[in-house]
Amino acid sequence: MTDWLAPLPNDTQQLVLDEVAGRVDAGHCRSPVGLLRSLATRACQGEFNATQFAQHYAALTEKGKAAREEVRALVGRVRRP
């Protein structure tokens, strides 16, 4: 599977993965592996366009990342007896 994404730049790889994850989360995908292959092929041909599914999933993961960093910062400030 990683061979499908290997020729693509890192940012395009992430967009393809976010698109697949977003569609799976939304229940719009029966075959995640098939979708990944199809979207990676399109991306290699310059025909891939990320949709709202990728944007939504990327926003969710950024929120999660920010929340985890905030928790780490708070935990770091707690003094241990």
N, C-alpha and C. Protein backbone atom coordinates (compact mmCIF):
# COMPACT_ATOMS: atom_id res chain seq x y z
N MET A 1 0.81 -1.20 0.00
CA MET A 1 0.00 0.00 0.00
C MET A 1 0.86 1.27 0.00
N THR A 2 1.95 1.24 0.74
CA THR A 2 2.78 2.43 0.78
C THR A 2 3.41 2.73 -0.57
N ASP A 3 3.52 1.70 -1.42
CA ASP A 3 4.04 1.91 -2.78
C ASP A 3 3.14 2.84 -3.59
N TRP A 4 1.85 2.82 -3.29
CA TRP A 4 0.91 3.67 -4.01
C TRP A 4 1.16 5.14 -3.71
N LEU A 5 1.60 5.44 -2.51
CA LEU A 5 1.81 6.82 -2.10
C LEU A 5 3.25 7.30 -2.28
N ALA A 6 4.17 6.37 -2.38
CA ALA A 6 5.60 6.70 -2.39
C ALA A 6 6.01 7.76 -3.42
N PRO A 7 5.47 7.74 -4.63
CA PRO A 7 5.93 8.74 -5.62
C PRO A 7 5.43 10.16 -5.34
N LEU A 8 4.51 10.29 -4.41
CA LEU A 8 3.88 11.59 -4.16
C LEU A 8 4.63 12.40 -3.11
N PRO A 9 4.58 13.73 -3.20
CA PRO A 9 5.16 14.57 -2.14
C PRO A 9 4.42 14.32 -0.81
N ASN A 10 5.10 14.57 0.29
CA ASN A 10 4.52 14.30 1.62
C ASN A 10 3.18 14.99 1.83
N ASP A 11 3.06 16.25 1.42
CA ASP A 11 1.80 16.96 1.65
C ASP A 11 0.65 16.34 0.85
N THR A 12 0.93 15.85 -0.34
CA THR A 12 -0.10 15.18 -1.14
C THR A 12 -0.45 13.83 -0.53
N GLN A 13 0.55 13.13 -0.03
CA GLN A 13 0.28 11.86 0.66
C GLN A 13 -0.68 12.09 1.81
N GLN A 14 -0.42 13.14 2.60
CA GLN A 14 -1.28 13.42 3.76
C GLN A 14 -2.69 13.78 3.32
N LEU A 15 -2.82 14.55 2.24
CA LEU A 15 -4.15 14.89 1.73
C LEU A 15 -4.93 13.65 1.32
N VAL A 16 -4.25 12.73 0.64
CA VAL A 16 -4.90 11.49 0.22
C VAL A 16 -5.34 10.69 1.44
N LEU A 17 -4.47 10.57 2.43
CA LEU A 17 -4.82 9.83 3.65
C LEU A 17 -5.96 10.50 4.40
N ASP A 18 -5.94 11.84 4.48
CA ASP A 18 -7.03 12.56 5.14
C ASP A 18 -8.35 12.37 4.40
N GLU A 19 -8.29 12.34 3.08
CA GLU A 19 -9.50 12.12 2.27
C GLU A 19 -10.09 10.75 2.56
N VAL A 20 -9.24 9.73 2.57
CA VAL A 20 -9.72 8.38 2.86
C VAL A 20 -10.29 8.32 4.27
N ALA A 21 -9.56 8.83 5.24
CA ALA A 21 -10.03 8.78 6.63
C ALA A 21 -11.33 9.56 6.81
N GLY A 22 -11.44 10.70 6.16
CA GLY A 22 -12.65 11.50 6.26
C GLY A 22 -13.86 10.79 5.68
N ARG A 23 -13.67 10.15 4.53
CA ARG A 23 -14.78 9.42 3.92
C ARG A 23 -15.18 8.21 4.75
N VAL A 24 -14.18 7.52 5.32
CA VAL A 24 -14.47 6.36 6.18
C VAL A 24 -15.23 6.83 7.42
N ASP A 25 -14.76 7.90 8.06
CA ASP A 25 -15.44 8.44 9.24
C ASP A 25 -16.88 8.83 8.96
N ALA A 26 -17.12 9.36 7.77
CA ALA A 26 -18.46 9.81 7.39
C ALA A 26 -19.35 8.67 6.91
N GLY A 27 -18.79 7.47 6.80
CA GLY A 27 -19.57 6.33 6.35
C GLY A 27 -19.78 6.31 4.84
N HIS A 28 -18.91 6.98 4.10
CA HIS A 28 -19.03 7.07 2.64
C HIS A 28 -18.03 6.17 1.92
N CYS A 29 -17.64 5.08 2.55
CA CYS A 29 -16.62 4.22 1.93
C CYS A 29 -16.86 2.78 2.35
N ARG A 30 -16.95 1.91 1.35
CA ARG A 30 -17.11 0.48 1.63
C ARG A 30 -15.77 -0.25 1.63
N SER A 31 -14.81 0.28 0.87
CA SER A 31 -13.51 -0.38 0.74
C SER A 31 -12.40 0.67 0.91
N PRO A 32 -11.93 0.89 2.13
CA PRO A 32 -10.88 1.89 2.35
C PRO A 32 -9.62 1.62 1.54
N VAL A 33 -9.23 0.37 1.39
CA VAL A 33 -8.02 0.04 0.63
C VAL A 33 -8.23 0.37 -0.84
N GLY A 34 -9.38 0.02 -1.37
CA GLY A 34 -9.69 0.33 -2.75
C GLY A 34 -9.73 1.83 -3.00
N LEU A 35 -10.32 2.56 -2.06
CA LEU A 35 -10.37 4.01 -2.18
C LEU A 35 -8.97 4.61 -2.13
N LEU A 36 -8.15 4.11 -1.21
CA LEU A 36 -6.78 4.61 -1.11
C LEU A 36 -6.04 4.39 -2.43
N ARG A 37 -6.17 3.21 -2.98
CA ARG A 37 -5.49 2.92 -4.24
C ARG A 37 -5.98 3.84 -5.37
N SER A 38 -7.28 4.01 -5.44
CA SER A 38 -7.87 4.85 -6.48
C SER A 38 -7.42 6.30 -6.35
N LEU A 39 -7.48 6.83 -5.14
CA LEU A 39 -7.09 8.23 -4.93
C LEU A 39 -5.59 8.43 -5.14
N ALA A 40 -4.78 7.47 -4.73
CA ALA A 40 -3.33 7.57 -4.93
C ALA A 40 -3.01 7.55 -6.42
N THR A 41 -3.71 6.71 -7.17
CA THR A 41 -3.50 6.65 -8.62
C THR A 41 -3.87 7.99 -9.25
N ARG A 42 -5.01 8.54 -8.84
CA ARG A 42 -5.42 9.85 -9.37
C ARG A 42 -4.39 10.92 -9.03
N ALA A 43 -3.89 10.89 -7.80
CA ALA A 43 -2.89 11.88 -7.38
C ALA A 43 -1.63 11.76 -8.22
N CYS A 44 -1.20 10.55 -8.49
CA CYS A 44 0.00 10.35 -9.32
C CYS A 44 -0.21 10.87 -10.74
N GLN A 45 -1.45 10.87 -11.20
CA GLN A 45 -1.76 11.36 -12.53
C GLN A 45 -2.11 12.85 -12.53
N GLY A 46 -2.05 13.47 -11.34
CA GLY A 46 -2.37 14.89 -11.23
C GLY A 46 -3.85 15.19 -11.28
N GLU A 47 -4.68 14.20 -10.98
CA GLU A 47 -6.13 14.35 -11.08
C GLU A 47 -6.84 14.31 -9.74
N PHE A 48 -6.11 14.38 -8.64
CA PHE A 48 -6.72 14.29 -7.31
C PHE A 48 -7.02 15.69 -6.78
N ASN A 49 -8.23 15.85 -6.28
CA ASN A 49 -8.62 17.08 -5.60
C ASN A 49 -9.24 16.71 -4.27
N ALA A 50 -8.67 17.22 -3.19
CA ALA A 50 -9.20 16.95 -1.86
C ALA A 50 -10.58 17.60 -1.73
N THR A 51 -11.48 16.93 -1.04
CA THR A 51 -12.83 17.45 -0.82
C THR A 51 -13.01 17.87 0.63
N GLN A 52 -14.25 18.17 0.99
CA GLN A 52 -14.55 18.56 2.36
C GLN A 52 -14.25 17.44 3.35
N PHE A 53 -14.24 16.20 2.89
CA PHE A 53 -13.92 15.09 3.79
C PHE A 53 -12.48 15.22 4.30
N ALA A 54 -11.55 15.51 3.42
CA ALA A 54 -10.15 15.68 3.82
C ALA A 54 -10.00 16.90 4.72
N GLN A 55 -10.66 17.99 4.36
CA GLN A 55 -10.57 19.22 5.15
C GLN A 55 -11.13 19.00 6.55
N HIS A 56 -12.27 18.33 6.63
CA HIS A 56 -12.89 18.08 7.93
C HIS A 56 -12.01 17.18 8.80
N TYR A 57 -11.49 16.11 8.21
CA TYR A 57 -10.64 15.19 8.97
C TYR A 57 -9.36 15.88 9.43
N ALA A 58 -8.76 16.68 8.56
CA ALA A 58 -7.54 17.40 8.93
C ALA A 58 -7.81 18.36 10.08
N ALA A 59 -8.96 19.03 10.05
CA ALA A 59 -9.32 19.95 11.14
C ALA A 59 -9.50 19.19 12.44
N LEU A 60 -10.12 18.02 12.38
CA LEU A 60 -10.29 17.21 13.59
C LEU A 60 -8.96 16.79 14.17
N THR A 61 -8.04 16.36 13.32
CA THR A 61 -6.76 15.90 13.83
C THR A 61 -5.94 17.07 14.38
N GLU A 62 -6.08 18.25 13.79
CA GLU A 62 -5.38 19.43 14.32
C GLU A 62 -5.94 19.82 15.68
N LYS A 63 -7.26 19.75 15.84
CA LYS A 63 -7.89 20.04 17.14
C LYS A 63 -7.38 19.06 18.18
N GLY A 64 -7.32 17.78 17.80
CA GLY A 64 -6.84 16.75 18.73
C GLY A 64 -5.39 16.99 19.11
N LYS A 65 -4.58 17.37 18.14
CA LYS A 65 -3.17 17.63 18.39
C LYS A 65 -3.02 18.82 19.34
N ALA A 66 -3.78 19.88 19.10
CA ALA A 66 -3.72 21.06 19.96
C ALA A 66 -4.17 20.73 21.38
N ALA A 67 -5.20 19.92 21.49
CA ALA A 67 -5.70 19.53 22.82
C ALA A 67 -4.66 18.69 23.57
N ARG A 68 -4.02 17.77 22.87
CA ARG A 68 -2.99 16.94 23.52
C ARG A 68 -1.82 17.80 23.99
N GLU A 69 -1.42 18.78 23.18
CA GLU A 69 -0.32 19.67 23.58
C GLU A 69 -0.71 20.51 24.78
N GLU A 70 -1.97 20.94 24.83
CA GLU A 70 -2.44 21.73 25.97
C GLU A 70 -2.42 20.90 27.24
N VAL A 71 -2.87 19.65 27.14
CA VAL A 71 -2.86 18.77 28.31
C VAL A 71 -1.43 18.51 28.78
N ARG A 72 -0.52 18.28 27.84
CA ARG A 72 0.88 18.07 28.22
C ARG A 72 1.45 19.29 28.95
N ALA A 73 1.10 20.45 28.47
CA ALA A 73 1.59 21.68 29.11
C ALA A 73 1.03 21.80 30.53
N LEU A 74 -0.24 21.48 30.70
CA LEU A 74 -0.85 21.56 32.02
C LEU A 74 -0.24 20.53 32.96
N VAL A 75 -0.02 19.33 32.46
CA VAL A 75 0.57 18.27 33.28
C VAL A 75 1.99 18.67 33.67
N GLY A 76 2.70 19.30 32.78
CA GLY A 76 4.05 19.73 33.07
C GLY A 76 4.12 20.78 34.16
N ARG A 77 3.04 21.54 34.34
CA ARG A 77 3.02 22.59 35.38
C ARG A 77 2.60 22.07 36.75
N VAL A 78 2.03 20.88 36.79
CA VAL A 78 1.59 20.33 38.06
C VAL A 78 2.81 19.91 38.87
N ARG A 79 2.85 20.35 40.08
CA ARG A 79 4.00 19.98 40.95
C ARG A 79 3.72 18.66 41.62
N ARG A 80 4.70 17.86 41.63
CA ARG A 80 4.55 16.55 42.29
C ARG A 80 5.11 16.67 43.71
N PRO A 81 4.40 16.09 44.67
CA PRO A 81 4.87 16.15 46.07
C PRO A 81 6.11 15.34 46.32
